[in-house]
Amino acid sequence: MTTTEPIELSRDVEASIVPSGDKVTLQKGEAAQVTQTLGGTFTVIVNGNMFRIEGSDADALGLEPVKTPAEETKRPETEDDLKQQIETQLKTVYDPEIPVNIIDLGLVYDSTPTQLDGGWRVDVKMTLTAPGCGMGPVLQQDAQNRLLCIEGVDEVDVQLVWDPPWNHDMMSEAAKLELGMM
């Protein structure tokens, strides 16, 4: 969803500046134009600057929060079910500047579930399109939070890695098509 008309913020709301990732508070009454609503988060322009607002704060924009796939599924019964849910959840994580999820961008190098007493631990190795991206910690935390939403997942460790360096060839065909690279 992209809005052509600005939306007046109905309350103060915490946001992350794009691309630095720094936290700020946008003030009630400020005009925000929604430019992207992917993965349950909102990318907005306020006073010429880009910000990311968490889905749980949708009400500040007068919008409804979007449920994650984990909120609509049941506890995985097998490791294969869990692996599918991990991929589905990670496909809901988006860089606020790029309308493609981190799986299709080729940013996730590995996601390994390990069974614990009565639950699961998931270890993820992912990278960024550029090492200096200030949104790295935001995307890392977003991936961790999404995986912790899966019923039965008790621990998640998301590591940012730089080897091998990311390049355009790691993107899925769908991502390349979405970004006009095919």
N, C-alpha and C. Protein backbone atom coordinates (compact mmCIF):
# COMPACT_ATOMS: atom_id res chain seq x y z
N MET A 1 0.83 -1.18 0.00
CA MET A 1 0.00 0.00 0.00
C MET A 1 0.87 1.24 0.00
N THR A 2 0.64 2.12 -0.92
CA THR A 2 1.29 3.42 -0.96
C THR A 2 0.18 4.46 -0.94
N THR A 3 0.36 5.50 -0.13
CA THR A 3 -0.66 6.54 -0.08
C THR A 3 -0.15 7.77 -0.81
N THR A 4 -1.03 8.41 -1.57
CA THR A 4 -0.63 9.65 -2.21
C THR A 4 -0.90 10.83 -1.28
N GLU A 5 -1.88 10.66 -0.41
CA GLU A 5 -2.22 11.70 0.56
C GLU A 5 -1.52 11.40 1.88
N PRO A 6 -0.94 12.41 2.50
CA PRO A 6 -0.31 12.20 3.81
C PRO A 6 -1.34 11.81 4.86
N ILE A 7 -0.90 11.01 5.82
CA ILE A 7 -1.72 10.59 6.95
C ILE A 7 -1.19 11.34 8.16
N GLU A 8 -2.09 11.92 8.94
CA GLU A 8 -1.68 12.62 10.15
C GLU A 8 -1.49 11.59 11.26
N LEU A 9 -0.32 11.60 11.90
CA LEU A 9 -0.06 10.66 12.99
C LEU A 9 -1.01 10.96 14.14
N SER A 10 -1.68 9.93 14.63
CA SER A 10 -2.68 10.11 15.68
C SER A 10 -2.06 10.13 17.08
N ARG A 11 -0.78 9.77 17.17
CA ARG A 11 -0.06 9.78 18.46
C ARG A 11 1.43 9.78 18.18
N ASP A 12 2.22 10.08 19.20
CA ASP A 12 3.67 9.95 19.08
C ASP A 12 3.99 8.49 18.79
N VAL A 13 4.99 8.24 17.95
CA VAL A 13 5.33 6.87 17.61
C VAL A 13 6.84 6.76 17.40
N GLU A 14 7.42 5.66 17.92
CA GLU A 14 8.84 5.40 17.72
C GLU A 14 9.05 4.91 16.30
N ALA A 15 10.12 5.36 15.67
CA ALA A 15 10.44 4.96 14.30
C ALA A 15 11.96 4.85 14.18
N SER A 16 12.40 4.17 13.13
CA SER A 16 13.83 4.07 12.82
C SER A 16 14.10 4.90 11.57
N ILE A 17 15.12 5.72 11.63
CA ILE A 17 15.52 6.51 10.47
C ILE A 17 16.14 5.56 9.44
N VAL A 18 15.75 5.72 8.19
CA VAL A 18 16.31 4.92 7.10
C VAL A 18 17.30 5.80 6.36
N PRO A 19 18.54 5.38 6.13
CA PRO A 19 19.09 4.05 6.32
C PRO A 19 19.90 3.87 7.60
N SER A 20 20.02 4.88 8.47
CA SER A 20 20.92 4.75 9.62
C SER A 20 20.44 3.78 10.68
N GLY A 21 19.10 3.63 10.81
CA GLY A 21 18.55 2.74 11.83
C GLY A 21 18.40 3.40 13.19
N ASP A 22 18.81 4.67 13.32
CA ASP A 22 18.68 5.37 14.59
C ASP A 22 17.21 5.51 14.97
N LYS A 23 16.93 5.39 16.27
CA LYS A 23 15.56 5.50 16.78
C LYS A 23 15.23 6.97 17.03
N VAL A 24 14.02 7.35 16.64
CA VAL A 24 13.49 8.70 16.89
C VAL A 24 12.01 8.56 17.24
N THR A 25 11.44 9.64 17.74
CA THR A 25 10.01 9.67 17.99
C THR A 25 9.39 10.66 17.02
N LEU A 26 8.48 10.16 16.21
CA LEU A 26 7.71 11.03 15.33
C LEU A 26 6.54 11.56 16.15
N GLN A 27 6.23 12.83 15.98
CA GLN A 27 5.27 13.50 16.84
C GLN A 27 3.84 13.41 16.32
N LYS A 28 2.91 13.31 17.25
CA LYS A 28 1.49 13.35 16.93
C LYS A 28 1.21 14.59 16.08
N GLY A 29 0.41 14.39 15.03
CA GLY A 29 0.03 15.50 14.17
C GLY A 29 0.91 15.68 12.95
N GLU A 30 2.12 15.05 12.94
CA GLU A 30 2.98 15.16 11.76
C GLU A 30 2.35 14.41 10.60
N ALA A 31 2.60 14.89 9.40
CA ALA A 31 2.07 14.27 8.19
C ALA A 31 3.05 13.21 7.70
N ALA A 32 2.56 11.98 7.48
CA ALA A 32 3.39 10.87 7.02
C ALA A 32 2.78 10.30 5.75
N GLN A 33 3.63 10.11 4.74
CA GLN A 33 3.19 9.45 3.52
C GLN A 33 3.73 8.02 3.54
N VAL A 34 2.84 7.05 3.47
CA VAL A 34 3.23 5.64 3.49
C VAL A 34 3.74 5.27 2.10
N THR A 35 4.99 4.76 2.04
CA THR A 35 5.56 4.38 0.75
C THR A 35 5.67 2.87 0.58
N GLN A 36 5.65 2.13 1.70
CA GLN A 36 5.78 0.67 1.62
C GLN A 36 5.15 0.04 2.85
N THR A 37 4.40 -1.03 2.66
CA THR A 37 3.78 -1.76 3.77
C THR A 37 4.05 -3.25 3.59
N LEU A 38 5.29 -3.63 3.56
CA LEU A 38 5.65 -5.02 3.35
C LEU A 38 6.15 -5.65 4.64
N GLY A 39 5.80 -6.90 4.85
CA GLY A 39 6.29 -7.63 6.00
C GLY A 39 5.71 -7.16 7.32
N GLY A 40 4.62 -6.43 7.27
CA GLY A 40 3.98 -5.98 8.50
C GLY A 40 4.59 -4.73 9.09
N THR A 41 5.55 -4.10 8.40
CA THR A 41 6.10 -2.83 8.84
C THR A 41 5.73 -1.76 7.83
N PHE A 42 5.92 -0.52 8.21
CA PHE A 42 5.53 0.60 7.36
C PHE A 42 6.73 1.50 7.12
N THR A 43 6.99 1.82 5.85
CA THR A 43 8.00 2.80 5.50
C THR A 43 7.24 4.08 5.17
N VAL A 44 7.63 5.17 5.83
CA VAL A 44 6.93 6.44 5.65
C VAL A 44 7.93 7.55 5.37
N ILE A 45 7.42 8.59 4.73
CA ILE A 45 8.19 9.82 4.52
C ILE A 45 7.55 10.89 5.41
N VAL A 46 8.35 11.51 6.26
CA VAL A 46 7.90 12.60 7.12
C VAL A 46 8.92 13.73 6.97
N ASN A 47 8.43 14.89 6.58
CA ASN A 47 9.31 16.06 6.39
C ASN A 47 10.51 15.75 5.48
N GLY A 48 10.27 14.97 4.43
CA GLY A 48 11.31 14.66 3.45
C GLY A 48 12.28 13.58 3.87
N ASN A 49 12.09 12.98 5.04
CA ASN A 49 12.97 11.92 5.53
C ASN A 49 12.22 10.60 5.59
N MET A 50 12.96 9.49 5.41
CA MET A 50 12.35 8.16 5.40
C MET A 50 12.51 7.51 6.77
N PHE A 51 11.41 6.87 7.23
CA PHE A 51 11.38 6.20 8.52
C PHE A 51 10.70 4.85 8.39
N ARG A 52 11.02 3.94 9.31
CA ARG A 52 10.35 2.65 9.39
C ARG A 52 9.59 2.60 10.70
N ILE A 53 8.30 2.27 10.61
CA ILE A 53 7.43 2.15 11.78
C ILE A 53 7.04 0.68 11.90
N GLU A 54 7.14 0.14 13.11
CA GLU A 54 6.78 -1.26 13.35
C GLU A 54 5.29 -1.49 13.15
N GLY A 55 4.93 -2.68 12.74
CA GLY A 55 3.54 -3.04 12.50
C GLY A 55 2.66 -2.90 13.73
N SER A 56 3.25 -3.11 14.91
CA SER A 56 2.47 -2.98 16.14
C SER A 56 2.02 -1.54 16.39
N ASP A 57 2.62 -0.59 15.68
CA ASP A 57 2.25 0.82 15.80
C ASP A 57 1.39 1.30 14.65
N ALA A 58 0.75 0.38 13.95
CA ALA A 58 -0.09 0.73 12.80
C ALA A 58 -1.19 1.72 13.17
N ASP A 59 -1.68 1.62 14.40
CA ASP A 59 -2.76 2.52 14.82
C ASP A 59 -2.36 3.99 14.75
N ALA A 60 -1.07 4.30 14.93
CA ALA A 60 -0.61 5.69 14.84
C ALA A 60 -0.83 6.25 13.43
N LEU A 61 -0.89 5.35 12.45
CA LEU A 61 -1.13 5.72 11.06
C LEU A 61 -2.61 5.55 10.68
N GLY A 62 -3.41 5.11 11.65
CA GLY A 62 -4.82 4.85 11.35
C GLY A 62 -5.02 3.57 10.57
N LEU A 63 -4.05 2.65 10.66
CA LEU A 63 -4.11 1.38 9.92
C LEU A 63 -4.21 0.21 10.88
N GLU A 64 -4.55 -0.94 10.34
CA GLU A 64 -4.64 -2.17 11.13
C GLU A 64 -3.30 -2.91 11.07
N PRO A 65 -2.86 -3.50 12.21
CA PRO A 65 -1.64 -4.32 12.15
C PRO A 65 -1.87 -5.54 11.26
N VAL A 66 -0.79 -6.01 10.65
CA VAL A 66 -0.85 -7.18 9.78
C VAL A 66 -0.34 -8.37 10.58
N LYS A 67 -1.07 -9.47 10.56
CA LYS A 67 -0.63 -10.68 11.26
C LYS A 67 0.54 -11.31 10.50
N THR A 68 1.49 -11.85 11.26
CA THR A 68 2.59 -12.57 10.64
C THR A 68 2.13 -13.99 10.33
N PRO A 69 2.80 -14.69 9.42
CA PRO A 69 2.41 -16.08 9.13
C PRO A 69 2.43 -16.97 10.37
N ALA A 70 3.33 -16.70 11.32
CA ALA A 70 3.41 -17.53 12.53
C ALA A 70 2.16 -17.39 13.38
N GLU A 71 1.53 -16.24 13.34
CA GLU A 71 0.31 -16.03 14.11
C GLU A 71 -0.88 -16.77 13.49
N GLU A 72 -0.72 -17.23 12.27
CA GLU A 72 -1.80 -17.90 11.57
C GLU A 72 -1.54 -19.40 11.37
N THR A 73 -0.46 -19.92 11.96
CA THR A 73 -0.14 -21.34 11.79
C THR A 73 -0.06 -22.02 13.15
N LYS A 74 0.04 -23.33 13.11
CA LYS A 74 0.12 -24.10 14.35
C LYS A 74 1.57 -24.53 14.59
N ARG A 75 1.79 -25.10 15.75
CA ARG A 75 3.12 -25.58 16.13
C ARG A 75 3.62 -26.59 15.09
N PRO A 76 4.86 -26.42 14.59
CA PRO A 76 5.38 -27.37 13.61
C PRO A 76 5.51 -28.77 14.23
N GLU A 77 5.08 -29.77 13.47
CA GLU A 77 5.11 -31.14 13.96
C GLU A 77 6.41 -31.85 13.64
N THR A 78 7.07 -31.45 12.55
CA THR A 78 8.32 -32.09 12.15
C THR A 78 9.37 -31.02 11.89
N GLU A 79 10.61 -31.44 11.76
CA GLU A 79 11.68 -30.50 11.45
C GLU A 79 11.45 -29.86 10.08
N ASP A 80 10.93 -30.65 9.14
CA ASP A 80 10.63 -30.09 7.81
C ASP A 80 9.55 -29.00 7.90
N ASP A 81 8.52 -29.23 8.74
CA ASP A 81 7.49 -28.20 8.96
C ASP A 81 8.14 -26.93 9.52
N LEU A 82 9.03 -27.12 10.48
CA LEU A 82 9.71 -25.97 11.09
C LEU A 82 10.55 -25.23 10.07
N LYS A 83 11.30 -25.96 9.25
CA LYS A 83 12.12 -25.30 8.22
C LYS A 83 11.26 -24.48 7.27
N GLN A 84 10.08 -25.01 6.93
CA GLN A 84 9.17 -24.26 6.06
C GLN A 84 8.67 -23.00 6.75
N GLN A 85 8.33 -23.11 8.04
CA GLN A 85 7.87 -21.94 8.78
C GLN A 85 8.98 -20.90 8.95
N ILE A 86 10.22 -21.35 9.12
CA ILE A 86 11.35 -20.43 9.22
C ILE A 86 11.47 -19.63 7.93
N GLU A 87 11.43 -20.33 6.80
CA GLU A 87 11.53 -19.63 5.51
C GLU A 87 10.35 -18.67 5.32
N THR A 88 9.16 -19.12 5.66
CA THR A 88 7.98 -18.28 5.51
C THR A 88 8.11 -17.02 6.36
N GLN A 89 8.58 -17.17 7.59
CA GLN A 89 8.74 -16.01 8.48
C GLN A 89 9.82 -15.06 7.94
N LEU A 90 10.95 -15.61 7.50
CA LEU A 90 12.03 -14.75 7.01
C LEU A 90 11.61 -14.02 5.73
N LYS A 91 10.66 -14.58 5.00
CA LYS A 91 10.15 -13.90 3.80
C LYS A 91 9.27 -12.70 4.16
N THR A 92 9.03 -12.48 5.45
CA THR A 92 8.27 -11.30 5.87
C THR A 92 9.18 -10.18 6.35
N VAL A 93 10.50 -10.38 6.24
CA VAL A 93 11.46 -9.36 6.65
C VAL A 93 11.92 -8.60 5.41
N TYR A 94 11.72 -7.29 5.43
CA TYR A 94 12.05 -6.43 4.29
C TYR A 94 12.94 -5.29 4.72
N ASP A 95 13.90 -4.97 3.87
CA ASP A 95 14.64 -3.73 4.00
C ASP A 95 13.64 -2.62 3.63
N PRO A 96 13.53 -1.55 4.43
CA PRO A 96 12.54 -0.53 4.13
C PRO A 96 12.76 0.20 2.81
N GLU A 97 13.95 0.08 2.23
CA GLU A 97 14.23 0.75 0.96
C GLU A 97 14.05 -0.15 -0.26
N ILE A 98 13.93 -1.45 -0.02
CA ILE A 98 13.88 -2.41 -1.13
C ILE A 98 12.62 -3.26 -1.00
N PRO A 99 11.76 -3.30 -2.00
CA PRO A 99 10.51 -4.04 -1.88
C PRO A 99 10.65 -5.55 -2.15
N VAL A 100 11.72 -6.15 -1.61
CA VAL A 100 11.96 -7.58 -1.78
C VAL A 100 12.40 -8.12 -0.42
N ASN A 101 11.92 -9.30 -0.06
CA ASN A 101 12.25 -9.88 1.25
C ASN A 101 13.70 -10.39 1.27
N ILE A 102 14.20 -10.61 2.51
CA ILE A 102 15.61 -10.98 2.67
C ILE A 102 15.95 -12.35 2.10
N ILE A 103 14.97 -13.26 2.00
CA ILE A 103 15.23 -14.57 1.38
C ILE A 103 15.46 -14.39 -0.12
N ASP A 104 14.53 -13.70 -0.79
CA ASP A 104 14.65 -13.51 -2.24
C ASP A 104 15.81 -12.60 -2.61
N LEU A 105 16.22 -11.71 -1.70
CA LEU A 105 17.40 -10.90 -1.96
C LEU A 105 18.68 -11.73 -1.86
N GLY A 106 18.58 -12.92 -1.28
CA GLY A 106 19.76 -13.78 -1.12
C GLY A 106 20.60 -13.38 0.08
N LEU A 107 19.99 -12.71 1.06
CA LEU A 107 20.73 -12.25 2.23
C LEU A 107 20.86 -13.33 3.31
N VAL A 108 20.00 -14.35 3.27
CA VAL A 108 20.07 -15.41 4.28
C VAL A 108 20.92 -16.54 3.72
N TYR A 109 22.06 -16.77 4.36
CA TYR A 109 22.97 -17.81 3.91
C TYR A 109 22.66 -19.16 4.54
N ASP A 110 22.14 -19.16 5.78
CA ASP A 110 21.87 -20.41 6.47
C ASP A 110 20.85 -20.17 7.57
N SER A 111 19.96 -21.13 7.76
CA SER A 111 19.03 -21.11 8.90
C SER A 111 18.89 -22.55 9.37
N THR A 112 19.44 -22.83 10.55
CA THR A 112 19.51 -24.20 11.05
C THR A 112 18.76 -24.34 12.36
N PRO A 113 17.72 -25.19 12.36
CA PRO A 113 17.05 -25.48 13.63
C PRO A 113 17.74 -26.61 14.38
N THR A 114 17.78 -26.49 15.69
CA THR A 114 18.35 -27.53 16.55
C THR A 114 17.33 -27.81 17.65
N GLN A 115 17.02 -29.09 17.85
CA GLN A 115 16.03 -29.44 18.86
C GLN A 115 16.61 -29.28 20.26
N LEU A 116 15.83 -28.66 21.13
CA LEU A 116 16.17 -28.51 22.54
C LEU A 116 15.17 -29.32 23.35
N ASP A 117 15.30 -29.32 24.65
CA ASP A 117 14.31 -29.97 25.50
C ASP A 117 12.95 -29.32 25.31
N GLY A 118 12.07 -29.95 24.56
CA GLY A 118 10.72 -29.45 24.38
C GLY A 118 10.56 -28.30 23.41
N GLY A 119 11.62 -27.88 22.78
CA GLY A 119 11.50 -26.76 21.85
C GLY A 119 12.61 -26.77 20.82
N TRP A 120 12.83 -25.59 20.23
CA TRP A 120 13.82 -25.47 19.16
C TRP A 120 14.67 -24.22 19.34
N ARG A 121 15.88 -24.28 18.83
CA ARG A 121 16.76 -23.13 18.68
C ARG A 121 16.99 -22.98 17.18
N VAL A 122 17.00 -21.75 16.70
CA VAL A 122 17.26 -21.49 15.29
C VAL A 122 18.47 -20.57 15.19
N ASP A 123 19.47 -21.00 14.43
CA ASP A 123 20.66 -20.19 14.17
C ASP A 123 20.60 -19.73 12.72
N VAL A 124 20.74 -18.43 12.53
CA VAL A 124 20.66 -17.83 11.19
C VAL A 124 21.95 -17.08 10.91
N LYS A 125 22.46 -17.27 9.69
CA LYS A 125 23.58 -16.47 9.20
C LYS A 125 23.05 -15.69 8.02
N MET A 126 23.14 -14.37 8.12
CA MET A 126 22.66 -13.52 7.04
C MET A 126 23.64 -12.39 6.82
N THR A 127 23.48 -11.72 5.69
CA THR A 127 24.34 -10.61 5.35
C THR A 127 23.46 -9.43 4.97
N LEU A 128 24.08 -8.38 4.50
CA LEU A 128 23.38 -7.19 4.03
C LEU A 128 23.85 -6.87 2.62
N THR A 129 23.09 -6.05 1.92
CA THR A 129 23.50 -5.68 0.56
C THR A 129 24.76 -4.82 0.59
N ALA A 130 24.99 -4.12 1.71
CA ALA A 130 26.20 -3.30 1.87
C ALA A 130 26.63 -3.36 3.33
N PRO A 131 27.93 -3.61 3.60
CA PRO A 131 28.38 -3.74 4.99
C PRO A 131 28.09 -2.52 5.86
N GLY A 132 28.04 -1.34 5.31
CA GLY A 132 27.82 -0.14 6.10
C GLY A 132 26.36 0.20 6.34
N CYS A 133 25.46 -0.66 5.94
CA CYS A 133 24.02 -0.38 6.07
C CYS A 133 23.63 -0.23 7.53
N GLY A 134 23.13 0.95 7.88
CA GLY A 134 22.70 1.21 9.25
C GLY A 134 21.47 0.44 9.66
N MET A 135 20.73 -0.10 8.70
CA MET A 135 19.53 -0.86 9.02
C MET A 135 19.86 -2.30 9.39
N GLY A 136 21.14 -2.69 9.32
CA GLY A 136 21.54 -4.06 9.65
C GLY A 136 21.01 -4.55 10.99
N PRO A 137 21.26 -3.81 12.08
CA PRO A 137 20.75 -4.27 13.37
C PRO A 137 19.22 -4.34 13.42
N VAL A 138 18.55 -3.46 12.68
CA VAL A 138 17.08 -3.47 12.64
C VAL A 138 16.60 -4.74 11.93
N LEU A 139 17.20 -5.06 10.78
CA LEU A 139 16.82 -6.26 10.04
C LEU A 139 17.17 -7.52 10.84
N GLN A 140 18.30 -7.51 11.51
CA GLN A 140 18.74 -8.63 12.34
C GLN A 140 17.72 -8.87 13.46
N GLN A 141 17.31 -7.81 14.14
CA GLN A 141 16.33 -7.93 15.22
C GLN A 141 14.96 -8.35 14.69
N ASP A 142 14.60 -7.81 13.52
CA ASP A 142 13.32 -8.17 12.90
C ASP A 142 13.28 -9.67 12.59
N ALA A 143 14.37 -10.19 12.01
CA ALA A 143 14.44 -11.63 11.71
C ALA A 143 14.33 -12.45 12.99
N GLN A 144 15.04 -12.04 14.03
CA GLN A 144 14.98 -12.76 15.30
C GLN A 144 13.56 -12.74 15.87
N ASN A 145 12.93 -11.58 15.88
CA ASN A 145 11.57 -11.47 16.42
C ASN A 145 10.58 -12.33 15.64
N ARG A 146 10.72 -12.33 14.31
CA ARG A 146 9.79 -13.13 13.49
C ARG A 146 9.94 -14.62 13.79
N LEU A 147 11.18 -15.08 13.98
CA LEU A 147 11.40 -16.50 14.25
C LEU A 147 10.93 -16.88 15.66
N LEU A 148 11.07 -15.96 16.60
CA LEU A 148 10.58 -16.24 17.95
C LEU A 148 9.06 -16.33 18.02
N CYS A 149 8.38 -15.85 16.98
CA CYS A 149 6.92 -15.95 16.91
C CYS A 149 6.45 -17.36 16.56
N ILE A 150 7.35 -18.19 16.05
CA ILE A 150 6.97 -19.56 15.69
C ILE A 150 6.79 -20.35 16.98
N GLU A 151 5.63 -20.95 17.13
CA GLU A 151 5.34 -21.73 18.32
C GLU A 151 6.36 -22.86 18.45
N GLY A 152 6.98 -22.97 19.63
CA GLY A 152 7.97 -24.01 19.89
C GLY A 152 9.41 -23.54 19.71
N VAL A 153 9.61 -22.37 19.08
CA VAL A 153 10.96 -21.82 18.96
C VAL A 153 11.24 -20.99 20.21
N ASP A 154 12.24 -21.40 20.98
CA ASP A 154 12.56 -20.76 22.25
C ASP A 154 13.78 -19.87 22.18
N GLU A 155 14.70 -20.17 21.25
CA GLU A 155 15.93 -19.40 21.13
C GLU A 155 16.22 -19.14 19.66
N VAL A 156 16.72 -17.93 19.39
CA VAL A 156 17.11 -17.57 18.02
C VAL A 156 18.39 -16.76 18.11
N ASP A 157 19.35 -17.10 17.27
CA ASP A 157 20.59 -16.33 17.17
C ASP A 157 20.77 -15.96 15.70
N VAL A 158 20.70 -14.67 15.41
CA VAL A 158 20.88 -14.17 14.04
C VAL A 158 22.22 -13.46 13.98
N GLN A 159 23.12 -14.00 13.19
CA GLN A 159 24.46 -13.43 13.04
C GLN A 159 24.60 -12.75 11.68
N LEU A 160 25.16 -11.55 11.69
CA LEU A 160 25.50 -10.89 10.43
C LEU A 160 26.90 -11.35 10.03
N VAL A 161 27.02 -11.84 8.81
CA VAL A 161 28.30 -12.33 8.29
C VAL A 161 28.61 -11.60 6.98
N TRP A 162 29.86 -11.58 6.61
CA TRP A 162 30.27 -10.85 5.41
C TRP A 162 30.98 -11.71 4.39
N ASP A 163 31.05 -13.02 4.67
CA ASP A 163 31.73 -13.93 3.76
C ASP A 163 30.78 -15.08 3.43
N PRO A 164 30.43 -15.29 2.20
CA PRO A 164 30.90 -14.53 1.04
C PRO A 164 30.18 -13.18 0.94
N PRO A 165 30.85 -12.21 0.31
CA PRO A 165 30.21 -10.91 0.12
C PRO A 165 28.96 -11.06 -0.76
N TRP A 166 27.91 -10.34 -0.41
CA TRP A 166 26.67 -10.40 -1.19
C TRP A 166 26.88 -9.75 -2.55
N ASN A 167 26.20 -10.31 -3.57
CA ASN A 167 26.20 -9.68 -4.89
C ASN A 167 24.85 -9.97 -5.55
N HIS A 168 24.56 -9.28 -6.64
CA HIS A 168 23.27 -9.39 -7.32
C HIS A 168 22.94 -10.81 -7.79
N ASP A 169 23.95 -11.61 -8.04
CA ASP A 169 23.71 -12.98 -8.51
C ASP A 169 23.04 -13.85 -7.45
N MET A 170 23.06 -13.42 -6.19
CA MET A 170 22.46 -14.19 -5.10
C MET A 170 20.94 -13.99 -5.02
N MET A 171 20.42 -13.05 -5.76
CA MET A 171 19.00 -12.75 -5.75
C MET A 171 18.23 -13.80 -6.55
N SER A 172 17.00 -14.06 -6.11
CA SER A 172 16.13 -14.96 -6.86
C SER A 172 15.70 -14.27 -8.15
N GLU A 173 15.22 -15.06 -9.11
CA GLU A 173 14.71 -14.47 -10.35
C GLU A 173 13.55 -13.53 -10.08
N ALA A 174 12.69 -13.92 -9.11
CA ALA A 174 11.54 -13.07 -8.74
C ALA A 174 12.01 -11.71 -8.23
N ALA A 175 13.08 -11.71 -7.43
CA ALA A 175 13.62 -10.45 -6.90
C ALA A 175 14.19 -9.59 -8.03
N LYS A 176 14.93 -10.22 -8.92
CA LYS A 176 15.49 -9.47 -10.05
C LYS A 176 14.39 -8.88 -10.91
N LEU A 177 13.34 -9.64 -11.12
CA LEU A 177 12.22 -9.16 -11.90
C LEU A 177 11.54 -7.98 -11.20
N GLU A 178 11.31 -8.11 -9.90
CA GLU A 178 10.67 -7.04 -9.11
C GLU A 178 11.49 -5.75 -9.17
N LEU A 179 12.80 -5.89 -9.17
CA LEU A 179 13.69 -4.72 -9.15
C LEU A 179 14.08 -4.26 -10.56
N GLY A 180 13.48 -4.87 -11.60
CA GLY A 180 13.76 -4.45 -12.97
C GLY A 180 15.12 -4.83 -13.47
N MET A 181 15.67 -5.93 -12.96
CA MET A 181 17.02 -6.36 -13.35
C MET A 181 16.99 -7.51 -14.34
N MET A 182 15.81 -7.84 -14.87
CA MET A 182 15.70 -8.92 -15.86
C MET A 182 14.95 -8.41 -17.06
